[in-house]
Structure formats: structure tokens, C-alpha cells
């Protein structure tokens, strides 16, 4: 499983309380979402990479930027779709 969570995206926090489920064995009733380490999903970077110019990608913020052209988020999604898992970058 793969997951992205951009800075400023309120949807994961809402989901945590709305339908995140609980995992009592992992620390006393914590509500888990895919961006939590305990959930176990592979995390994809959404921040800018590679600087300016060709090859560089821009970061995204909030919930509506994951498919922005030339974004790190979109690049990483494409890499997962085509099976190039080793090239997906993780958040720092």
C-alpha cells in the first residue's frame, strides 16, 4: 500500500476521527490512518525535489494538489502505477 500526505492537508486528520478505526494493541486506542508509521503503508514524498529547472519537481500543499503538473506527488504516483517502486521518493 502507498500513501501521500501533503503539508496542510486536513483530510487525513478528519479521517483519523471520522473513520480511522482503532488499534488498541498499538498504544491504547490510537486511531490509525495510512500516514501513521504503525499503519505500515509506504509513504511517498510530496515536497519539492531537484531544485529549479529540468528534472525538478514542485511540492504540493493542502488536499487539492496531489495531481498538480510537475509535482513530486504526481511523479511518485506515476512511478507506483508503472511499477517502478524503487524510484519512489520518501518524505524526509
C-alpha atoms as a PDB file:
ATOM      1  CA  UNK A   1       0.000   0.000   0.000  1.00  0.00           C
ATOM      2  CA  UNK A   2       1.196   3.508  -0.840  1.00  0.00           C
ATOM      3  CA  UNK A   3       0.239   6.801   0.802  1.00  0.00           C
ATOM      4  CA  UNK A   4       0.827  10.520   0.435  1.00  0.00           C
ATOM      5  CA  UNK A   5       0.056  13.268   2.911  1.00  0.00           C
ATOM      6  CA  UNK A   6       0.894  16.842   1.945  1.00  0.00           C
ATOM      7  CA  UNK A   7       1.502  19.617   4.449  1.00  0.00           C
ATOM      8  CA  UNK A   8      -1.712  21.458   5.182  1.00  0.00           C
ATOM      9  CA  UNK A   9      -3.993  18.598   4.096  1.00  0.00           C
ATOM     10  CA  UNK A  10      -6.750  18.480   6.719  1.00  0.00           C
ATOM     11  CA  UNK A  11      -8.458  15.408   5.236  1.00  0.00           C
ATOM     12  CA  UNK A  12      -6.211  12.820   6.970  1.00  0.00           C
ATOM     13  CA  UNK A  13      -6.828  14.465  10.338  1.00  0.00           C
ATOM     14  CA  UNK A  14     -10.577  14.455   9.734  1.00  0.00           C
ATOM     15  CA  UNK A  15     -10.379  10.834   8.630  1.00  0.00           C
ATOM     16  CA  UNK A  16      -8.491   9.874  11.765  1.00  0.00           C
ATOM     17  CA  UNK A  17     -11.515  10.775  13.896  1.00  0.00           C
ATOM     18  CA  UNK A  18     -14.228  10.035  11.344  1.00  0.00           C
ATOM     19  CA  UNK A  19     -13.299   6.556  10.183  1.00  0.00           C
ATOM     20  CA  UNK A  20      -9.685   5.851  11.097  1.00  0.00           C
ATOM     21  CA  UNK A  21     -10.521   2.738  13.059  1.00  0.00           C
ATOM     22  CA  UNK A  22      -8.718   1.845  16.224  1.00  0.00           C
ATOM     23  CA  UNK A  23      -5.802  -0.324  17.105  1.00  0.00           C
ATOM     24  CA  UNK A  24      -5.844  -0.853  20.844  1.00  0.00           C
ATOM     25  CA  UNK A  25      -2.787  -3.104  20.831  1.00  0.00           C
ATOM     26  CA  UNK A  26      -0.563  -0.324  19.461  1.00  0.00           C
ATOM     27  CA  UNK A  27      -0.770   2.164  22.255  1.00  0.00           C
ATOM     28  CA  UNK A  28      -4.092   2.477  23.956  1.00  0.00           C
ATOM     29  CA  UNK A  29      -6.790   3.144  21.415  1.00  0.00           C
ATOM     30  CA  UNK A  30      -4.954   5.221  18.860  1.00  0.00           C
ATOM     31  CA  UNK A  31      -6.892   5.927  15.652  1.00  0.00           C
ATOM     32  CA  UNK A  32      -4.731   4.875  12.696  1.00  0.00           C
ATOM     33  CA  UNK A  33      -4.606   6.389   9.219  1.00  0.00           C
ATOM     34  CA  UNK A  34      -2.339   5.380   6.296  1.00  0.00           C
ATOM     35  CA  UNK A  35       0.233   8.097   7.023  1.00  0.00           C
ATOM     36  CA  UNK A  36       0.913   6.683  10.502  1.00  0.00           C
ATOM     37  CA  UNK A  37       4.052   4.553  10.735  1.00  0.00           C
ATOM     38  CA  UNK A  38       2.135   1.871  12.653  1.00  0.00           C
ATOM     39  CA  UNK A  39      -0.280   1.508   9.704  1.00  0.00           C
ATOM     40  CA  UNK A  40       2.573   0.186   7.562  1.00  0.00           C
ATOM     41  CA  UNK A  41       1.923   1.941   4.225  1.00  0.00           C
ATOM     42  CA  UNK A  42       4.807   3.044   2.026  1.00  0.00           C
ATOM     43  CA  UNK A  43       4.996   6.836   2.248  1.00  0.00           C
ATOM     44  CA  UNK A  44       5.577   8.967  -0.861  1.00  0.00           C
ATOM     45  CA  UNK A  45       7.166  12.411  -0.779  1.00  0.00           C
ATOM     46  CA  UNK A  46       5.036  15.439  -1.703  1.00  0.00           C
ATOM     47  CA  UNK A  47       7.710  18.134  -1.169  1.00  0.00           C
ATOM     48  CA  UNK A  48       9.743  19.787  -3.941  1.00  0.00           C
ATOM     49  CA  UNK A  49      12.719  17.807  -5.261  1.00  0.00           C
ATOM     50  CA  UNK A  50      15.671  18.513  -7.506  1.00  0.00           C
ATOM     51  CA  UNK A  51      15.643  22.302  -7.403  1.00  0.00           C
ATOM     52  CA  UNK A  52      14.655  24.575 -10.266  1.00  0.00           C
ATOM     53  CA  UNK A  53      14.747  23.646 -13.955  1.00  0.00           C
ATOM     54  CA  UNK A  54      14.504  20.344 -15.827  1.00  0.00           C
ATOM     55  CA  UNK A  55      14.156  17.351 -13.576  1.00  0.00           C
ATOM     56  CA  UNK A  56      12.991  19.378 -10.611  1.00  0.00           C
ATOM     57  CA  UNK A  57       9.519  18.897  -9.200  1.00  0.00           C
ATOM     58  CA  UNK A  58       7.385  21.231  -7.154  1.00  0.00           C
ATOM     59  CA  UNK A  59       5.891  20.467  -3.774  1.00  0.00           C
ATOM     60  CA  UNK A  60       2.188  20.471  -3.020  1.00  0.00           C
ATOM     61  CA  UNK A  61       0.195  21.728  -0.072  1.00  0.00           C
ATOM     62  CA  UNK A  62      -3.336  21.003   1.049  1.00  0.00           C
ATOM     63  CA  UNK A  63      -5.667  18.363  -0.338  1.00  0.00           C
ATOM     64  CA  UNK A  64      -6.119  19.545  -3.924  1.00  0.00           C
ATOM     65  CA  UNK A  65      -2.534  19.490  -5.211  1.00  0.00           C
ATOM     66  CA  UNK A  66      -1.703  15.790  -5.482  1.00  0.00           C
ATOM     67  CA  UNK A  67      -2.248  15.776  -9.254  1.00  0.00           C
ATOM     68  CA  UNK A  68      -0.595  19.130  -9.998  1.00  0.00           C
ATOM     69  CA  UNK A  69       1.512  19.089 -13.137  1.00  0.00           C
ATOM     70  CA  UNK A  70       5.264  18.847 -12.461  1.00  0.00           C
ATOM     71  CA  UNK A  71       4.690  17.971  -8.798  1.00  0.00           C
ATOM     72  CA  UNK A  72       6.615  15.439  -6.754  1.00  0.00           C
ATOM     73  CA  UNK A  73       3.284  13.950  -5.660  1.00  0.00           C
ATOM     74  CA  UNK A  74       2.223  13.214  -9.247  1.00  0.00           C
ATOM     75  CA  UNK A  75       5.683  11.908 -10.193  1.00  0.00           C
ATOM     76  CA  UNK A  76       5.629   9.439  -7.306  1.00  0.00           C
ATOM     77  CA  UNK A  77       2.094   8.282  -8.132  1.00  0.00           C
ATOM     78  CA  UNK A  78       3.162   7.624 -11.723  1.00  0.00           C
ATOM     79  CA  UNK A  79       6.161   5.603 -10.553  1.00  0.00           C
ATOM     80  CA  UNK A  80       3.892   3.393  -8.442  1.00  0.00           C
ATOM     81  CA  UNK A  81       1.438   2.913 -11.319  1.00  0.00           C
ATOM     82  CA  UNK A  82       4.186   1.700 -13.673  1.00  0.00           C
ATOM     83  CA  UNK A  83       5.781  -0.497 -11.003  1.00  0.00           C
ATOM     84  CA  UNK A  84       9.000   1.471 -10.511  1.00  0.00           C
ATOM     85  CA  UNK A  85       8.745   1.267  -6.731  1.00  0.00           C
ATOM     86  CA  UNK A  86      12.491   1.683  -6.150  1.00  0.00           C
ATOM     87  CA  UNK A  87      12.397   5.163  -7.733  1.00  0.00           C
ATOM     88  CA  UNK A  88       9.618   6.483  -5.479  1.00  0.00           C
ATOM     89  CA  UNK A  89      10.968   9.050  -3.042  1.00  0.00           C
ATOM     90  CA  UNK A  90      10.046   9.068   0.646  1.00  0.00           C
ATOM     91  CA  UNK A  91       9.323  12.129   2.792  1.00  0.00           C
ATOM     92  CA  UNK A  92      12.385  13.470   4.562  1.00  0.00           C
END
